[in-house]
Amino acid sequence: MELVKINADLGRIGGLLKMWLTNDEKLELEGHSSARLESVILAALRDTKAIQALLYQKASALKF
């Protein structure tokens, strides 16, 4: 069950990244500066790498 939750977290972060990278109209309405947006995107990418590492660690520990 834990792997499912970790994978869901990756999906949510991926969805946010996709929105940030493809939806200029929505971003303009929310008033994000490009520097702030870049900072948020880089933080999300770091989070993604950390979650991927956790997923790999948990999956590697499984015994079949």
N, C-alpha and C. Protein backbone atom coordinates (compact mmCIF):
# COMPACT_ATOMS: atom_id res chain seq x y z
N MET A 1 0.82 -1.20 0.00
CA MET A 1 0.00 0.00 0.00
C MET A 1 0.86 1.26 0.00
N GLU A 2 2.00 1.19 0.68
CA GLU A 2 2.89 2.34 0.75
C GLU A 2 3.42 2.71 -0.64
N LEU A 3 3.72 1.71 -1.47
CA LEU A 3 4.20 1.99 -2.83
C LEU A 3 3.13 2.70 -3.65
N VAL A 4 1.90 2.35 -3.44
CA VAL A 4 0.80 3.00 -4.16
C VAL A 4 0.72 4.48 -3.79
N LYS A 5 0.87 4.78 -2.51
CA LYS A 5 0.83 6.17 -2.05
C LYS A 5 2.01 6.97 -2.61
N ILE A 6 3.19 6.36 -2.61
CA ILE A 6 4.37 7.05 -3.14
C ILE A 6 4.19 7.32 -4.63
N ASN A 7 3.68 6.33 -5.34
CA ASN A 7 3.45 6.50 -6.78
C ASN A 7 2.40 7.57 -7.04
N ALA A 8 1.38 7.65 -6.21
CA ALA A 8 0.36 8.69 -6.36
C ALA A 8 0.96 10.07 -6.15
N ASP A 9 1.88 10.18 -5.19
CA ASP A 9 2.58 11.45 -4.96
C ASP A 9 3.33 11.88 -6.22
N LEU A 10 4.00 10.93 -6.86
CA LEU A 10 4.72 11.24 -8.11
C LEU A 10 3.75 11.72 -9.18
N GLY A 11 2.61 11.11 -9.27
CA GLY A 11 1.60 11.52 -10.25
C GLY A 11 1.10 12.93 -10.01
N ARG A 12 0.86 13.26 -8.75
CA ARG A 12 0.40 14.60 -8.42
C ARG A 12 1.45 15.66 -8.75
N ILE A 13 2.70 15.38 -8.40
CA ILE A 13 3.77 16.34 -8.71
C ILE A 13 3.93 16.48 -10.22
N GLY A 14 3.84 15.37 -10.94
CA GLY A 14 3.92 15.42 -12.39
C GLY A 14 2.80 16.25 -13.00
N GLY A 15 1.61 16.12 -12.45
CA GLY A 15 0.48 16.91 -12.93
C GLY A 15 0.68 18.40 -12.70
N LEU A 16 1.21 18.75 -11.54
CA LEU A 16 1.50 20.16 -11.26
C LEU A 16 2.56 20.71 -12.21
N LEU A 17 3.61 19.94 -12.42
CA LEU A 17 4.66 20.38 -13.33
C LEU A 17 4.11 20.59 -14.74
N LYS A 18 3.28 19.67 -15.18
CA LYS A 18 2.69 19.81 -16.51
C LYS A 18 1.86 21.08 -16.61
N MET A 19 1.06 21.36 -15.58
CA MET A 19 0.24 22.56 -15.59
C MET A 19 1.13 23.81 -15.64
N TRP A 20 2.16 23.83 -14.81
CA TRP A 20 3.04 24.99 -14.76
C TRP A 20 3.75 25.23 -16.08
N LEU A 21 4.09 24.15 -16.78
CA LEU A 21 4.86 24.28 -18.01
C LEU A 21 4.00 24.50 -19.25
N THR A 22 2.71 24.23 -19.17
CA THR A 22 1.88 24.31 -20.38
C THR A 22 0.73 25.31 -20.32
N ASN A 23 0.41 25.86 -19.16
CA ASN A 23 -0.79 26.67 -19.03
C ASN A 23 -0.44 28.12 -18.72
N ASP A 24 0.06 28.85 -19.70
CA ASP A 24 0.48 30.24 -19.49
C ASP A 24 -0.67 31.14 -19.06
N GLU A 25 -1.88 30.95 -19.61
CA GLU A 25 -3.00 31.82 -19.27
C GLU A 25 -3.33 31.74 -17.79
N LYS A 26 -3.36 30.54 -17.25
CA LYS A 26 -3.69 30.38 -15.83
C LYS A 26 -2.61 31.00 -14.95
N LEU A 27 -1.37 30.84 -15.34
CA LEU A 27 -0.28 31.41 -14.55
C LEU A 27 -0.35 32.93 -14.53
N GLU A 28 -0.70 33.52 -15.66
CA GLU A 28 -0.81 34.98 -15.72
C GLU A 28 -1.92 35.47 -14.79
N LEU A 29 -3.00 34.75 -14.73
CA LEU A 29 -4.11 35.15 -13.86
C LEU A 29 -3.72 35.08 -12.39
N GLU A 30 -2.87 34.14 -12.04
CA GLU A 30 -2.48 33.98 -10.65
C GLU A 30 -1.35 34.93 -10.26
N GLY A 31 -0.77 35.64 -11.21
CA GLY A 31 0.23 36.65 -10.92
C GLY A 31 1.60 36.15 -10.50
N HIS A 32 2.00 34.97 -10.94
CA HIS A 32 3.33 34.45 -10.59
C HIS A 32 4.40 35.15 -11.41
N SER A 33 5.49 35.57 -10.76
CA SER A 33 6.63 36.08 -11.51
C SER A 33 7.41 34.90 -12.07
N SER A 34 8.12 35.11 -13.15
CA SER A 34 8.85 34.01 -13.76
C SER A 34 9.96 33.49 -12.84
N ALA A 35 10.60 34.38 -12.08
CA ALA A 35 11.65 33.94 -11.15
C ALA A 35 11.06 33.07 -10.04
N ARG A 36 9.92 33.48 -9.52
CA ARG A 36 9.27 32.70 -8.46
C ARG A 36 8.80 31.36 -9.01
N LEU A 37 8.24 31.37 -10.20
CA LEU A 37 7.76 30.13 -10.81
C LEU A 37 8.92 29.17 -11.06
N GLU A 38 10.05 29.70 -11.53
CA GLU A 38 11.22 28.86 -11.76
C GLU A 38 11.67 28.21 -10.45
N SER A 39 11.66 28.97 -9.38
CA SER A 39 12.05 28.46 -8.07
C SER A 39 11.12 27.33 -7.63
N VAL A 40 9.83 27.52 -7.82
CA VAL A 40 8.84 26.50 -7.43
C VAL A 40 9.00 25.24 -8.28
N ILE A 41 9.23 25.42 -9.57
CA ILE A 41 9.40 24.26 -10.47
C ILE A 41 10.65 23.47 -10.09
N LEU A 42 11.74 24.16 -9.82
CA LEU A 42 12.97 23.48 -9.42
C LEU A 42 12.79 22.72 -8.10
N ALA A 43 12.06 23.31 -7.18
CA ALA A 43 11.78 22.62 -5.91
C ALA A 43 10.93 21.38 -6.15
N ALA A 44 9.95 21.47 -7.05
CA ALA A 44 9.11 20.31 -7.37
C ALA A 44 9.94 19.21 -8.03
N LEU A 45 10.89 19.60 -8.87
CA LEU A 45 11.76 18.60 -9.50
C LEU A 45 12.65 17.91 -8.46
N ARG A 46 13.14 18.67 -7.49
CA ARG A 46 13.93 18.06 -6.41
C ARG A 46 13.06 17.09 -5.60
N ASP A 47 11.83 17.51 -5.31
CA ASP A 47 10.91 16.62 -4.59
C ASP A 47 10.65 15.35 -5.38
N THR A 48 10.50 15.49 -6.69
CA THR A 48 10.26 14.33 -7.55
C THR A 48 11.42 13.35 -7.47
N LYS A 49 12.64 13.86 -7.53
CA LYS A 49 13.81 12.98 -7.44
C LYS A 49 13.85 12.27 -6.09
N ALA A 50 13.52 12.98 -5.03
CA ALA A 50 13.52 12.37 -3.70
C ALA A 50 12.45 11.28 -3.59
N ILE A 51 11.27 11.55 -4.14
CA ILE A 51 10.19 10.56 -4.09
C ILE A 51 10.54 9.35 -4.95
N GLN A 52 11.16 9.58 -6.11
CA GLN A 52 11.59 8.46 -6.95
C GLN A 52 12.61 7.59 -6.21
N ALA A 53 13.53 8.22 -5.50
CA ALA A 53 14.53 7.46 -4.73
C ALA A 53 13.85 6.64 -3.64
N LEU A 54 12.87 7.22 -2.97
CA LEU A 54 12.12 6.49 -1.95
C LEU A 54 11.36 5.31 -2.56
N LEU A 55 10.73 5.53 -3.69
CA LEU A 55 10.01 4.46 -4.38
C LEU A 55 10.96 3.34 -4.75
N TYR A 56 12.13 3.68 -5.27
CA TYR A 56 13.13 2.68 -5.64
C TYR A 56 13.58 1.90 -4.41
N GLN A 57 13.83 2.62 -3.32
CA GLN A 57 14.27 1.97 -2.08
C GLN A 57 13.22 0.98 -1.58
N LYS A 58 11.97 1.41 -1.56
CA LYS A 58 10.90 0.53 -1.07
C LYS A 58 10.69 -0.67 -2.00
N ALA A 59 10.75 -0.43 -3.31
CA ALA A 59 10.55 -1.52 -4.26
C ALA A 59 11.71 -2.51 -4.19
N SER A 60 12.93 -2.01 -3.98
CA SER A 60 14.10 -2.90 -3.88
C SER A 60 14.04 -3.76 -2.64
N ALA A 61 13.38 -3.29 -1.62
CA ALA A 61 13.29 -4.05 -0.35
C ALA A 61 12.25 -5.17 -0.42
N LEU A 62 11.42 -5.17 -1.44
CA LEU A 62 10.40 -6.22 -1.56
C LEU A 62 11.05 -7.56 -1.84
N LYS A 63 10.53 -8.58 -1.22
CA LYS A 63 11.04 -9.94 -1.43
C LYS A 63 9.95 -10.75 -2.13
N PHE A 64 10.32 -11.34 -3.22
CA PHE A 64 9.34 -12.14 -3.98
C PHE A 64 9.61 -13.61 -3.81
